[in-house]
Amino acid sequence: MASAQEDLREAVERLALPGKQAIRRVAAPGRTADRMALRFDESYTAWVGSLSDLPGEVVLETLQRIDGALLELARPEHRALWTDAELCASEAWETLRSLAREAVSQLEAAE
């Protein structure tokens, strides 16, 4: 069984994928963004709950920025950004992918 940190890392790695790769990997046409966001939320919550010591401040800050970006995207006025087409093309999702790539590097360095 995967640890909470392994689950989180996998969820962040999926968020870091270019849109078309994410669509193929998640295999939920039309719901890719929803599935990735939910997976991150669940794994992030489990990871935080499993911590006995706080991780490095930089890692935690980047993960909080990802969480905040997803919360912003979840606002009703951004509903149109949750399509597979927008996942591939929108600046908001590219910003999120950039944060996720940063977090993957930080998680790898912390291991």
C-alpha atoms as a PDB file:
ATOM      1  CA  MET A   1       0.000   0.000   0.000  1.00  0.00           C
ATOM      2  CA  ALA A   2       1.344   3.418  -0.957  1.00  0.00           C
ATOM      3  CA  SER A   3       2.180   5.927   1.740  1.00  0.00           C
ATOM      4  CA  ALA A   4       0.403   9.261   1.986  1.00  0.00           C
ATOM      5  CA  GLN A   5       3.527  10.965   0.633  1.00  0.00           C
ATOM      6  CA  GLU A   6       3.676   8.598  -2.364  1.00  0.00           C
ATOM      7  CA  ASP A   7      -0.006   9.231  -3.121  1.00  0.00           C
ATOM      8  CA  LEU A   8       0.564  12.974  -2.886  1.00  0.00           C
ATOM      9  CA  ARG A   9       3.600  12.827  -5.134  1.00  0.00           C
ATOM     10  CA  GLU A  10       1.656  10.863  -7.758  1.00  0.00           C
ATOM     11  CA  ALA A  11      -1.220  13.370  -7.620  1.00  0.00           C
ATOM     12  CA  VAL A  12       1.200  16.287  -8.017  1.00  0.00           C
ATOM     13  CA  GLU A  13       2.982  14.510 -10.876  1.00  0.00           C
ATOM     14  CA  ARG A  14      -0.356  14.208 -12.691  1.00  0.00           C
ATOM     15  CA  LEU A  15      -1.038  17.903 -12.200  1.00  0.00           C
ATOM     16  CA  ALA A  16       2.396  18.634 -13.699  1.00  0.00           C
ATOM     17  CA  LEU A  17       1.674  16.736 -16.922  1.00  0.00           C
ATOM     18  CA  PRO A  18       0.942  18.672 -20.113  1.00  0.00           C
ATOM     19  CA  GLY A  19      -2.805  18.700 -20.765  1.00  0.00           C
ATOM     20  CA  LYS A  20      -2.917  16.062 -23.508  1.00  0.00           C
ATOM     21  CA  GLN A  21      -0.723  13.674 -21.509  1.00  0.00           C
ATOM     22  CA  ALA A  22      -2.919  14.171 -18.448  1.00  0.00           C
ATOM     23  CA  ILE A  23      -6.034  13.381 -20.472  1.00  0.00           C
ATOM     24  CA  ARG A  24      -4.483  10.127 -21.718  1.00  0.00           C
ATOM     25  CA  ARG A  25      -3.157   9.133 -18.279  1.00  0.00           C
ATOM     26  CA  VAL A  26      -6.298   9.922 -16.299  1.00  0.00           C
ATOM     27  CA  ALA A  27      -8.525   8.338 -18.967  1.00  0.00           C
ATOM     28  CA  ALA A  28     -11.670  10.213 -17.983  1.00  0.00           C
ATOM     29  CA  PRO A  29     -12.549  12.258 -21.073  1.00  0.00           C
ATOM     30  CA  GLY A  30     -14.270  15.488 -20.161  1.00  0.00           C
ATOM     31  CA  ARG A  31     -13.531  14.998 -16.463  1.00  0.00           C
ATOM     32  CA  THR A  32      -9.739  14.956 -16.394  1.00  0.00           C
ATOM     33  CA  ALA A  33      -9.385  18.246 -14.516  1.00  0.00           C
ATOM     34  CA  ASP A  34     -12.028  17.221 -11.964  1.00  0.00           C
ATOM     35  CA  ARG A  35     -10.354  13.885 -11.321  1.00  0.00           C
ATOM     36  CA  MET A  36      -6.882  15.401 -10.967  1.00  0.00           C
ATOM     37  CA  ALA A  37      -8.116  18.110  -8.590  1.00  0.00           C
ATOM     38  CA  LEU A  38     -10.014  15.607  -6.467  1.00  0.00           C
ATOM     39  CA  ARG A  39      -7.019  13.260  -6.347  1.00  0.00           C
ATOM     40  CA  PHE A  40      -4.777  16.124  -5.223  1.00  0.00           C
ATOM     41  CA  ASP A  41      -7.261  17.258  -2.583  1.00  0.00           C
ATOM     42  CA  GLU A  42      -7.682  13.773  -1.145  1.00  0.00           C
ATOM     43  CA  SER A  43      -3.971  12.963  -1.125  1.00  0.00           C
ATOM     44  CA  TYR A  44      -2.953  16.395   0.213  1.00  0.00           C
ATOM     45  CA  THR A  45      -5.467  16.115   3.052  1.00  0.00           C
ATOM     46  CA  ALA A  46      -4.298  12.573   3.901  1.00  0.00           C
ATOM     47  CA  TRP A  47      -0.653  13.617   3.736  1.00  0.00           C
ATOM     48  CA  VAL A  48      -1.149  16.582   6.074  1.00  0.00           C
ATOM     49  CA  GLY A  49      -3.063  14.323   8.472  1.00  0.00           C
ATOM     50  CA  SER A  50      -0.237  11.771   8.461  1.00  0.00           C
ATOM     51  CA  LEU A  51       2.556  14.211   9.297  1.00  0.00           C
ATOM     52  CA  SER A  52       4.372  13.753  12.555  1.00  0.00           C
ATOM     53  CA  ASP A  53       6.862  16.499  11.676  1.00  0.00           C
ATOM     54  CA  LEU A  54       6.343  19.446   9.401  1.00  0.00           C
ATOM     55  CA  PRO A  55       8.095  19.138   6.048  1.00  0.00           C
ATOM     56  CA  GLY A  56      10.387  21.828   4.756  1.00  0.00           C
ATOM     57  CA  GLU A  57       8.730  25.212   4.587  1.00  0.00           C
ATOM     58  CA  VAL A  58       9.348  25.502   0.845  1.00  0.00           C
ATOM     59  CA  VAL A  59       7.564  22.216   0.047  1.00  0.00           C
ATOM     60  CA  LEU A  60       4.613  23.068   2.255  1.00  0.00           C
ATOM     61  CA  GLU A  61       4.328  26.551   0.752  1.00  0.00           C
ATOM     62  CA  THR A  62       4.320  25.220  -2.817  1.00  0.00           C
ATOM     63  CA  LEU A  63       1.674  22.609  -1.978  1.00  0.00           C
ATOM     64  CA  GLN A  64      -0.440  25.318  -0.346  1.00  0.00           C
ATOM     65  CA  ARG A  65      -0.090  27.435  -3.499  1.00  0.00           C
ATOM     66  CA  ILE A  66      -1.318  24.479  -5.588  1.00  0.00           C
ATOM     67  CA  ASP A  67      -4.248  24.007  -3.231  1.00  0.00           C
ATOM     68  CA  GLY A  68      -5.051  27.717  -3.429  1.00  0.00           C
ATOM     69  CA  ALA A  69      -4.837  27.720  -7.237  1.00  0.00           C
ATOM     70  CA  LEU A  70      -7.258  24.788  -7.409  1.00  0.00           C
ATOM     71  CA  LEU A  71      -9.638  26.544  -5.007  1.00  0.00           C
ATOM     72  CA  GLU A  72      -9.518  29.634  -7.218  1.00  0.00           C
ATOM     73  CA  LEU A  73     -10.239  27.534 -10.316  1.00  0.00           C
ATOM     74  CA  ALA A  74     -13.193  25.946  -8.488  1.00  0.00           C
ATOM     75  CA  ARG A  75     -14.981  29.295  -8.184  1.00  0.00           C
ATOM     76  CA  PRO A  76     -18.208  29.401 -10.224  1.00  0.00           C
ATOM     77  CA  GLU A  77     -16.902  32.092 -12.551  1.00  0.00           C
ATOM     78  CA  HIS A  78     -14.119  29.735 -13.675  1.00  0.00           C
ATOM     79  CA  ARG A  79     -16.406  26.794 -14.498  1.00  0.00           C
ATOM     80  CA  ALA A  80     -15.487  27.015 -18.200  1.00  0.00           C
ATOM     81  CA  LEU A  81     -11.845  26.221 -17.366  1.00  0.00           C
ATOM     82  CA  TRP A  82     -12.691  22.657 -16.333  1.00  0.00           C
ATOM     83  CA  THR A  83     -12.937  21.202 -19.835  1.00  0.00           C
ATOM     84  CA  ASP A  84     -10.253  19.078 -21.441  1.00  0.00           C
ATOM     85  CA  ALA A  85      -9.703  21.802 -24.049  1.00  0.00           C
ATOM     86  CA  GLU A  86      -9.042  24.418 -21.367  1.00  0.00           C
ATOM     87  CA  LEU A  87      -6.869  21.998 -19.425  1.00  0.00           C
ATOM     88  CA  CYS A  88      -4.629  21.917 -22.497  1.00  0.00           C
ATOM     89  CA  ALA A  89      -4.763  25.594 -23.447  1.00  0.00           C
ATOM     90  CA  SER A  90      -5.531  27.933 -20.560  1.00  0.00           C
ATOM     91  CA  GLU A  91      -2.955  30.019 -18.775  1.00  0.00           C
ATOM     92  CA  ALA A  92      -4.523  29.120 -15.417  1.00  0.00           C
ATOM     93  CA  TRP A  93      -3.816  25.422 -15.927  1.00  0.00           C
ATOM     94  CA  GLU A  94      -0.300  26.159 -17.214  1.00  0.00           C
ATOM     95  CA  THR A  95       0.391  28.135 -14.045  1.00  0.00           C
ATOM     96  CA  LEU A  96      -0.867  25.192 -12.000  1.00  0.00           C
ATOM     97  CA  ARG A  97       1.332  22.769 -13.982  1.00  0.00           C
ATOM     98  CA  SER A  98       4.329  25.003 -13.291  1.00  0.00           C
ATOM     99  CA  LEU A  99       3.603  24.944  -9.552  1.00  0.00           C
ATOM    100  CA  ALA A 100       3.180  21.173  -9.684  1.00  0.00           C
ATOM    101  CA  ARG A 101       6.531  20.717 -11.457  1.00  0.00           C
ATOM    102  CA  GLU A 102       8.122  22.860  -8.760  1.00  0.00           C
ATOM    103  CA  ALA A 103       6.515  20.727  -6.038  1.00  0.00           C
ATOM    104  CA  VAL A 104       7.655  17.474  -7.676  1.00  0.00           C
ATOM    105  CA  SER A 105      11.252  18.724  -7.619  1.00  0.00           C
ATOM    106  CA  GLN A 106      10.924  19.798  -4.004  1.00  0.00           C
ATOM    107  CA  LEU A 107       9.372  16.489  -2.940  1.00  0.00           C
ATOM    108  CA  GLU A 108      12.167  14.579  -4.686  1.00  0.00           C
ATOM    109  CA  ALA A 109      14.807  16.710  -2.942  1.00  0.00           C
ATOM    110  CA  ALA A 110      13.142  16.127   0.436  1.00  0.00           C
ATOM    111  CA  GLU A 111      13.267  12.328   0.139  1.00  0.00           C
END
